[in-house]
């Protein structure tokens, strides 16, 4: 492992690096999902409303969205290790302070700070993968991170339910602080610096802003960015509206809905692992096309299920549409980061903030009026917008060279 100016490479980086990066990714999910089972207790402790208690989750998400676009370029200026380790330390401190927050207003502010710190875990891990892994190897790494990100939302509420038997939300925040300390300790000892000094930008405001502009000027990257935003709308639209549609519209109990949610998450994991296995042979371009096709097919089946008022058909459509995310996100991330490899931090930040922003916009739209057709409209729009926006790529030779490079390097 190297920590100096040379930077790590695929040959010098330990094989378990992806597992460590996956742990940082999972920590972000646990930030919100672990204490969801005890939100009513938080509401009671601060004598507030359910909406304000739920806003503690929103504050984290806002911090994550905004933090990525800032911390990504910063990591291009100072390297990857420092922002990731400092972010982990800030995450731990923010959770300790949150555990002792005296008022709901203070807690909301601290949860926003927590989101900013958590953003480092997402944006820097993507940049590290782009630094170290070429072609198909990057596709496998991003697919692994995608699988971890899909499993974590299933595990986190279950863990939260177990922890709720022995502690309240304050104790859960201390548990998350301890987990962050452990990851920082592992990272400080084992995480290599993957960005050599000669590839860094000056650590000043002007060059950082210029770097963001340079990435946004890359038309292929813009196309992949648009596709990533579209799939973010599908995912968050589903998360925001599916519980209302399935429970209020089709009579599922909370327990039954949890099983459906878990099943769809397993679908994403299975597709992510399939992407990991096939990327060397098929390439990310073909896998992205496969994901877009499956997403559109799922949206069509979903619409048919709503039209027939058939729960079974609806669930099949949802499963296909949501599982396809396991093909789309790793593939589009691999291709986008390859296009902007020399500006990986900025590219990672832009991918993150756009997925969260468009997801935040899609979530209330999908639940508008409590109608299942609203969910169908958002899923279909996201599924179709992705491949249509790929037409923005005006340099087909670049795409072919990326695909051929993945095949040869796999």
Protein backbone atom coordinates (compact mmCIF):
# COMPACT_ATOMS: atom_id res chain seq x y z
CA UNK A 1 0.00 0.00 0.00
CA UNK A 2 1.17 3.48 -0.77
CA UNK A 3 0.29 6.62 1.09
CA UNK A 4 2.55 9.14 -0.55
CA UNK A 5 2.39 11.03 -3.80
CA UNK A 6 2.57 7.99 -6.05
CA UNK A 7 -0.96 6.85 -5.30
CA UNK A 8 -2.31 3.32 -5.20
CA UNK A 9 -3.03 1.25 -8.30
CA UNK A 10 -5.04 -1.86 -9.02
CA UNK A 11 -1.85 -3.87 -8.54
CA UNK A 12 -0.80 -2.29 -5.22
CA UNK A 13 -4.29 -2.04 -3.66
CA UNK A 14 -5.37 -4.86 -1.34
CA UNK A 15 -8.27 -6.99 -2.49
CA UNK A 16 -10.28 -6.21 0.60
CA UNK A 17 -10.32 -2.47 -0.21
CA UNK A 18 -13.78 -2.77 -1.78
CA UNK A 19 -15.10 -4.37 1.42
CA UNK A 20 -13.79 -1.44 3.46
CA UNK A 21 -15.35 1.03 1.02
CA UNK A 22 -18.57 -0.97 1.20
CA UNK A 23 -18.57 -0.59 4.98
CA UNK A 24 -18.33 3.19 4.61
CA UNK A 25 -21.22 3.09 2.12
CA UNK A 26 -23.36 1.00 4.48
CA UNK A 27 -22.68 3.45 7.30
CA UNK A 28 -24.47 6.16 5.31
CA UNK A 29 -27.62 4.01 5.05
CA UNK A 30 -27.49 3.13 8.74
CA UNK A 31 -27.38 6.85 9.56
CA UNK A 32 -31.10 7.19 8.90
CA UNK A 33 -32.53 3.68 8.83
CA UNK A 34 -31.31 2.34 12.18
CA UNK A 35 -33.34 4.74 14.33
CA UNK A 36 -36.51 4.71 12.21
CA UNK A 37 -38.21 2.20 14.59
CA UNK A 38 -37.82 4.63 17.52
CA UNK A 39 -38.94 7.86 15.83
CA UNK A 40 -42.14 7.88 17.93
CA UNK A 41 -39.99 7.87 21.09
CA UNK A 42 -37.98 10.82 19.73
CA UNK A 43 -41.27 12.60 19.07
CA UNK A 44 -42.36 12.03 22.67
CA UNK A 45 -39.03 13.05 24.23
CA UNK A 46 -39.08 16.44 22.53
CA UNK A 47 -42.87 16.88 22.76
CA UNK A 48 -42.99 17.59 19.05
CA UNK A 49 -44.95 16.32 16.06
CA UNK A 50 -44.37 13.26 13.93
CA UNK A 51 -43.54 15.50 10.96
CA UNK A 52 -40.79 17.29 12.87
CA UNK A 53 -39.40 14.02 14.15
CA UNK A 54 -39.31 12.70 10.57
CA UNK A 55 -37.55 15.92 9.53
CA UNK A 56 -34.46 14.63 11.37
CA UNK A 57 -34.19 12.09 8.54
CA UNK A 58 -34.69 14.77 5.89
CA UNK A 59 -31.97 16.93 7.46
CA UNK A 60 -29.49 14.09 7.02
CA UNK A 61 -30.46 13.60 3.37
CA UNK A 62 -30.13 17.33 2.63
CA UNK A 63 -26.66 17.29 4.17
CA UNK A 64 -25.65 14.23 2.14
CA UNK A 65 -26.89 15.78 -1.11
CA UNK A 66 -25.15 19.11 -0.63
CA UNK A 67 -22.00 17.69 0.91
CA UNK A 68 -21.19 15.49 -2.05
CA UNK A 69 -20.86 18.28 -4.61
CA UNK A 70 -18.49 20.14 -2.25
CA UNK A 71 -16.43 17.26 -0.88
CA UNK A 72 -15.93 15.62 -4.26
CA UNK A 73 -13.82 18.43 -5.72
CA UNK A 74 -12.12 18.92 -2.34
CA UNK A 75 -10.90 15.32 -2.53
CA UNK A 76 -9.47 16.12 -5.98
CA UNK A 77 -7.41 18.85 -4.30
CA UNK A 78 -6.19 17.23 -1.08
CA UNK A 79 -6.39 13.50 -1.87
CA UNK A 80 -8.86 10.83 -0.82
CA UNK A 81 -7.66 9.73 2.62
CA UNK A 82 -7.98 13.06 4.41
CA UNK A 83 -11.61 13.88 3.48
CA UNK A 84 -12.75 10.33 4.16
CA UNK A 85 -11.05 10.08 7.56
CA UNK A 86 -12.03 13.61 8.62
CA UNK A 87 -15.57 12.90 7.45
CA UNK A 88 -15.65 9.77 9.60
CA UNK A 89 -14.41 11.67 12.65
CA UNK A 90 -16.95 14.46 12.10
CA UNK A 91 -19.66 11.81 11.68
CA UNK A 92 -18.78 10.27 15.04
CA UNK A 93 -18.61 13.63 16.86
CA UNK A 94 -21.94 14.74 15.35
CA UNK A 95 -23.60 11.54 16.56
CA UNK A 96 -22.25 11.93 20.08
CA UNK A 97 -23.51 15.50 20.20
CA UNK A 98 -26.85 14.38 18.72
CA UNK A 99 -27.24 11.85 21.51
CA UNK A 100 -27.13 14.69 24.02
CA UNK A 101 -29.10 17.26 22.01
CA UNK A 102 -31.19 19.36 24.43
CA UNK A 103 -33.82 20.50 21.91
CA UNK A 104 -35.28 19.34 18.62
CA UNK A 105 -33.87 22.46 16.91
CA UNK A 106 -30.34 21.56 17.98
CA UNK A 107 -30.89 17.98 16.87
CA UNK A 108 -32.06 19.07 13.42
CA UNK A 109 -28.92 21.16 12.98
CA UNK A 110 -26.71 18.31 14.13
CA UNK A 111 -28.43 15.86 11.80
CA UNK A 112 -27.67 18.20 8.89
CA UNK A 113 -24.01 18.27 9.97
CA UNK A 114 -24.12 14.48 10.19
CA UNK A 115 -25.32 14.35 6.58
CA UNK A 116 -22.45 16.58 5.46
CA UNK A 117 -19.99 14.21 7.15
CA UNK A 118 -21.72 11.14 5.73
CA UNK A 119 -21.43 12.63 2.24
CA UNK A 120 -17.68 12.03 2.40
CA UNK A 121 -18.33 8.31 2.78
CA UNK A 122 -20.23 8.22 -0.51
CA UNK A 123 -18.39 10.66 -2.71
CA UNK A 124 -14.85 9.62 -1.77
CA UNK A 125 -15.49 5.88 -2.05
CA UNK A 126 -16.67 6.32 -5.65
CA UNK A 127 -13.63 8.45 -6.43
CA UNK A 128 -11.28 5.84 -4.93
CA UNK A 129 -12.78 3.14 -7.14
CA UNK A 130 -12.27 5.35 -10.21
CA UNK A 131 -8.67 6.04 -9.15
CA UNK A 132 -7.68 2.44 -8.65
CA UNK A 133 -9.73 0.13 -10.85
CA UNK A 134 -9.68 0.22 -14.67
CA UNK A 135 -12.50 -0.81 -16.99
CA UNK A 136 -14.32 -3.98 -15.99
CA UNK A 137 -12.62 -4.04 -12.58
CA UNK A 138 -14.28 -0.70 -11.80
CA UNK A 139 -17.61 -2.17 -12.93
CA UNK A 140 -17.21 -5.07 -10.51
CA UNK A 141 -16.27 -2.73 -7.68
CA UNK A 142 -19.22 -0.40 -8.27
CA UNK A 143 -21.53 -3.43 -8.49
CA UNK A 144 -20.23 -4.60 -5.10
CA UNK A 145 -20.89 -1.17 -3.57
CA UNK A 146 -24.35 -1.24 -5.14
CA UNK A 147 -25.10 -4.62 -3.58
CA UNK A 148 -23.98 -3.37 -0.17
CA UNK A 149 -26.11 -0.25 -0.57
CA UNK A 150 -29.13 -2.42 -1.35
CA UNK A 151 -28.69 -4.87 1.52
CA UNK A 152 -28.08 -2.19 4.14
CA UNK A 153 -31.62 -0.69 4.00
CA UNK A 154 -33.02 -4.14 4.76
CA UNK A 155 -30.65 -4.89 7.62
CA UNK A 156 -30.65 -1.44 9.22
CA UNK A 157 -34.31 -1.33 10.40
CA UNK A 158 -34.02 -4.92 11.65
CA UNK A 159 -30.92 -3.98 13.64
CA UNK A 160 -32.72 -0.88 14.86
CA UNK A 161 -35.60 -3.03 16.08
CA UNK A 162 -33.19 -5.23 18.04
CA UNK A 163 -31.38 -2.25 19.52
CA UNK A 164 -34.72 -0.67 20.48
CA UNK A 165 -35.19 -3.49 22.98
CA UNK A 166 -32.22 -2.31 25.05
CA UNK A 167 -31.79 1.40 24.25
CA UNK A 168 -33.51 4.52 22.97
CA UNK A 169 -32.58 6.72 19.99
CA UNK A 170 -29.83 8.40 22.00
CA UNK A 171 -28.15 5.06 22.56
CA UNK A 172 -28.45 4.23 18.86
CA UNK A 173 -26.64 7.45 17.98
CA UNK A 174 -23.79 6.41 20.29
CA UNK A 175 -23.66 2.99 18.60
CA UNK A 176 -23.33 4.71 15.20
CA UNK A 177 -20.61 6.96 16.61
CA UNK A 178 -18.72 3.88 17.77
CA UNK A 179 -19.08 2.25 14.35
CA UNK A 180 -17.63 5.35 12.71
CA UNK A 181 -14.68 5.36 15.10
CA UNK A 182 -13.96 1.74 14.19
CA UNK A 183 -14.05 2.51 10.47
CA UNK A 184 -11.80 5.55 10.92
CA UNK A 185 -9.31 3.42 12.83
CA UNK A 186 -9.31 0.80 10.07
CA UNK A 187 -9.03 3.44 7.39
CA UNK A 188 -6.21 5.29 9.12
CA UNK A 189 -4.20 2.09 9.29
CA UNK A 190 -5.06 0.40 6.01
CA UNK A 191 -6.56 2.85 3.51
CA UNK A 192 -4.09 3.76 0.75
CA UNK A 193 -3.92 7.21 -0.81
CA UNK A 194 -5.16 6.64 -4.34
CA UNK A 195 -4.74 10.12 -5.85
CA UNK A 196 -1.08 10.99 -6.63
CA UNK A 197 -0.01 14.56 -5.97
CA UNK A 198 0.67 15.31 -9.61
CA UNK A 199 -3.01 14.67 -10.43
CA UNK A 200 -4.42 16.99 -7.77
CA UNK A 201 -5.88 20.42 -8.42
CA UNK A 202 -4.86 23.51 -6.41
CA UNK A 203 -6.79 23.60 -3.11
CA UNK A 204 -8.44 26.94 -3.84
CA UNK A 205 -12.01 27.98 -4.53
CA UNK A 206 -11.41 29.04 -8.12
CA UNK A 207 -9.82 25.80 -9.37
CA UNK A 208 -12.47 23.73 -7.56
CA UNK A 209 -15.31 25.61 -9.27
CA UNK A 210 -13.47 25.40 -12.59
CA UNK A 211 -13.15 21.65 -12.18
CA UNK A 212 -16.89 21.27 -11.72
CA UNK A 213 -17.42 23.32 -14.86
CA UNK A 214 -14.91 21.22 -16.79
CA UNK A 215 -16.73 18.00 -15.85
CA UNK A 216 -20.10 19.46 -16.80
CA UNK A 217 -18.66 20.44 -20.19
CA UNK A 218 -18.08 16.76 -21.05
CA UNK A 219 -21.10 15.76 -23.14
CA UNK A 220 -20.73 12.00 -22.54
CA UNK A 221 -20.58 12.64 -18.80
CA UNK A 222 -23.70 14.81 -19.00
CA UNK A 223 -25.56 11.98 -20.71
CA UNK A 224 -24.56 9.48 -18.03
CA UNK A 225 -25.37 12.07 -15.36
CA UNK A 226 -28.87 12.45 -16.80
CA UNK A 227 -29.34 8.67 -16.85
CA UNK A 228 -28.18 8.46 -13.22
CA UNK A 229 -30.64 11.21 -12.27
CA UNK A 230 -33.46 9.33 -14.00
CA UNK A 231 -32.79 6.12 -12.10
CA UNK A 232 -32.60 8.15 -8.88
CA UNK A 233 -36.13 9.36 -9.61
CA UNK A 234 -37.30 5.75 -10.06
CA UNK A 235 -35.71 4.60 -6.80
CA UNK A 236 -36.82 7.45 -4.56
CA UNK A 237 -40.24 7.64 -6.19
CA UNK A 238 -40.71 3.99 -5.28
CA UNK A 239 -39.43 4.50 -1.73
CA UNK A 240 -41.64 7.53 -1.17
CA UNK A 241 -44.93 6.17 -2.53
CA UNK A 242 -44.94 2.37 -2.50
CA UNK A 243 -45.99 2.04 1.14
CA UNK A 244 -49.09 4.19 0.58
CA UNK A 245 -49.98 2.47 -2.68
CA UNK A 246 -49.57 -1.08 -1.39
CA UNK A 247 -51.04 -0.57 2.09
CA UNK A 248 -53.84 1.91 1.47
CA UNK A 249 -54.63 0.97 -2.12
CA UNK A 250 -54.16 -2.80 -1.99
CA UNK A 251 -54.66 -3.61 1.68
CA UNK A 252 -51.21 -4.92 2.62
CA UNK A 253 -50.34 -4.88 6.31
CA UNK A 254 -47.14 -3.13 7.48
CA UNK A 255 -45.52 -6.55 7.91
CA UNK A 256 -46.53 -7.66 4.42
CA UNK A 257 -45.24 -4.42 2.96
CA UNK A 258 -41.91 -4.93 4.75
CA UNK A 259 -41.60 -8.33 3.08
CA UNK A 260 -42.34 -6.83 -0.35
CA UNK A 261 -39.78 -4.08 0.26
CA UNK A 262 -37.19 -6.64 1.32
CA UNK A 263 -37.93 -8.80 -1.72
CA UNK A 264 -37.39 -5.86 -4.07
CA UNK A 265 -34.15 -5.01 -2.28
CA UNK A 266 -33.01 -8.60 -2.82
CA UNK A 267 -33.78 -8.07 -6.50
CA UNK A 268 -31.40 -5.10 -6.62
CA UNK A 269 -28.72 -7.13 -4.85
CA UNK A 270 -29.14 -10.04 -7.28
CA UNK A 271 -28.91 -7.71 -10.28
CA UNK A 272 -25.85 -5.97 -8.81
CA UNK A 273 -24.08 -9.28 -8.27
CA UNK A 274 -25.05 -10.36 -11.79
CA UNK A 275 -23.55 -7.12 -13.10
CA UNK A 276 -20.36 -7.91 -11.21
CA UNK A 277 -20.15 -11.32 -12.86
CA UNK A 278 -21.04 -10.24 -16.41
CA UNK A 279 -19.24 -6.91 -16.77
CA UNK A 280 -16.00 -8.51 -17.99
CA UNK A 281 -17.81 -10.29 -20.81
CA UNK A 282 -20.56 -7.85 -21.73
CA UNK A 283 -19.17 -4.46 -20.76
CA UNK A 284 -20.97 -1.69 -18.91
CA UNK A 285 -22.58 -0.27 -22.07
CA UNK A 286 -24.51 -3.47 -22.79
CA UNK A 287 -25.39 -3.99 -19.13
CA UNK A 288 -26.72 -0.44 -18.96
CA UNK A 289 -28.87 -1.13 -22.02
CA UNK A 290 -30.11 -4.32 -20.34
CA UNK A 291 -31.00 -2.37 -17.22
CA UNK A 292 -32.87 0.30 -19.16
CA UNK A 293 -34.82 -2.36 -21.07
CA UNK A 294 -35.77 -4.16 -17.85
CA UNK A 295 -36.76 -0.88 -16.20
CA UNK A 296 -39.07 0.05 -19.08
CA UNK A 297 -40.58 -3.45 -19.11
CA UNK A 298 -41.17 -3.27 -15.36
CA UNK A 299 -42.89 0.11 -15.72
CA UNK A 300 -45.17 -1.37 -18.39
CA UNK A 301 -46.08 -4.38 -16.23
CA UNK A 302 -46.64 -2.04 -13.27
CA UNK A 303 -49.07 0.05 -15.31
CA UNK A 304 -50.87 -3.10 -16.44
CA UNK A 305 -51.20 -4.25 -12.84
CA UNK A 306 -52.69 -0.93 -11.76
CA UNK A 307 -55.05 -0.93 -14.74
CA UNK A 308 -56.26 -4.44 -13.89
CA UNK A 309 -56.14 -3.70 -10.15
CA UNK A 310 -54.11 -6.91 -9.84
CA UNK A 311 -51.77 -6.98 -6.85
CA UNK A 312 -49.77 -9.88 -8.27
CA UNK A 313 -49.13 -8.18 -11.63
CA UNK A 314 -48.35 -4.90 -9.87
CA UNK A 315 -45.80 -6.60 -7.60
CA UNK A 316 -44.14 -8.32 -10.58
CA UNK A 317 -43.84 -4.96 -12.34
CA UNK A 318 -42.39 -3.30 -9.26
CA UNK A 319 -39.89 -6.11 -8.78
CA UNK A 320 -38.64 -5.93 -12.37
CA UNK A 321 -38.47 -2.12 -12.40
CA UNK A 322 -36.68 -1.89 -9.05
CA UNK A 323 -34.36 -4.86 -9.56
CA UNK A 324 -33.17 -3.27 -12.82
CA UNK A 325 -31.54 -0.56 -10.70
CA UNK A 326 -28.88 -3.16 -9.88
CA UNK A 327 -27.90 -3.13 -13.57
CA UNK A 328 -28.26 0.60 -14.20
CA UNK A 329 -26.51 2.28 -11.26
CA UNK A 330 -23.23 0.30 -11.29
CA UNK A 331 -23.02 0.53 -15.09
CA UNK A 332 -23.81 4.22 -15.43
CA UNK A 333 -21.47 5.03 -12.53
CA UNK A 334 -18.65 3.05 -14.13
CA UNK A 335 -19.10 4.78 -17.48
CA UNK A 336 -19.48 8.27 -16.03
CA UNK A 337 -16.45 7.94 -13.77
CA UNK A 338 -14.38 6.56 -16.67
CA UNK A 339 -15.21 9.59 -18.79
CA UNK A 340 -14.15 11.95 -15.97
CA UNK A 341 -11.38 9.80 -14.47
CA UNK A 342 -9.03 12.80 -14.15
CA UNK A 343 -11.70 14.67 -12.16
CA UNK A 344 -13.10 11.72 -10.23
CA UNK A 345 -14.00 13.64 -7.08
CA UNK A 346 -16.00 16.30 -8.89
CA UNK A 347 -17.67 13.67 -11.07
CA UNK A 348 -18.61 11.60 -8.03
CA UNK A 349 -20.06 14.64 -6.28
CA UNK A 350 -22.17 15.60 -9.28
CA UNK A 351 -23.50 12.05 -9.64
CA UNK A 352 -24.45 11.99 -5.98
CA UNK A 353 -26.20 15.33 -5.75
CA UNK A 354 -28.16 14.79 -8.97
CA UNK A 355 -29.41 11.35 -7.88
CA UNK A 356 -30.52 12.76 -4.52
CA UNK A 357 -32.02 15.95 -5.98
CA UNK A 358 -34.07 14.26 -8.67
CA UNK A 359 -35.02 11.56 -6.18
CA UNK A 360 -36.25 14.21 -3.74
CA UNK A 361 -38.35 15.78 -6.49
CA UNK A 362 -39.77 12.45 -7.64
CA UNK A 363 -40.74 11.15 -4.21
CA UNK A 364 -43.66 13.55 -3.53
CA UNK A 365 -44.76 13.36 -7.17
CA UNK A 366 -45.01 9.58 -6.98
CA UNK A 367 -47.21 9.88 -3.91
CA UNK A 368 -49.38 12.72 -5.23
CA UNK A 369 -52.98 12.20 -4.26
CA UNK A 370 -52.24 8.71 -2.98
CA UNK A 371 -52.91 7.37 -6.48
CA UNK A 372 -51.15 4.30 -7.82
CA UNK A 373 -51.11 5.97 -11.22
CA UNK A 374 -48.81 8.66 -9.82
CA UNK A 375 -46.30 5.96 -8.93
CA UNK A 376 -46.67 4.44 -12.41
CA UNK A 377 -46.10 7.83 -14.02
CA UNK A 378 -42.89 8.54 -12.09
CA UNK A 379 -41.45 5.04 -12.58
CA UNK A 380 -42.29 5.11 -16.30
CA UNK A 381 -40.90 8.63 -16.76
CA UNK A 382 -37.64 7.69 -15.06
CA UNK A 383 -37.36 4.39 -16.93
CA UNK A 384 -37.88 6.03 -20.34
CA UNK A 385 -35.93 9.22 -19.66
CA UNK A 386 -32.75 7.28 -18.92
CA UNK A 387 -32.23 5.69 -22.35
CA UNK A 388 -33.68 8.70 -24.19
CA UNK A 389 -31.20 11.03 -22.54
CA UNK A 390 -28.37 8.73 -23.55
CA UNK A 391 -28.95 10.04 -27.08
CA UNK A 392 -27.17 13.15 -25.81
CA UNK A 393 -23.90 11.28 -26.27
CA UNK A 394 -22.52 12.79 -29.46
CA UNK A 395 -19.31 10.79 -29.54
CA UNK A 396 -20.09 7.13 -30.19
CA UNK A 397 -16.42 6.35 -30.66
CA UNK A 398 -15.82 7.25 -27.03
CA UNK A 399 -18.51 4.79 -25.93
CA UNK A 400 -17.12 2.01 -28.12
CA UNK A 401 -13.59 2.60 -26.85
CA UNK A 402 -14.81 2.43 -23.26
CA UNK A 403 -16.61 -0.84 -23.97
CA UNK A 404 -13.62 -2.32 -25.75
CA UNK A 405 -11.34 -1.16 -22.95
CA UNK A 406 -13.53 -2.87 -20.37
CA UNK A 407 -13.44 -6.11 -22.31
CA UNK A 408 -9.68 -6.09 -22.71
CA UNK A 409 -8.98 -5.08 -19.09
CA UNK A 410 -11.47 -7.54 -17.59
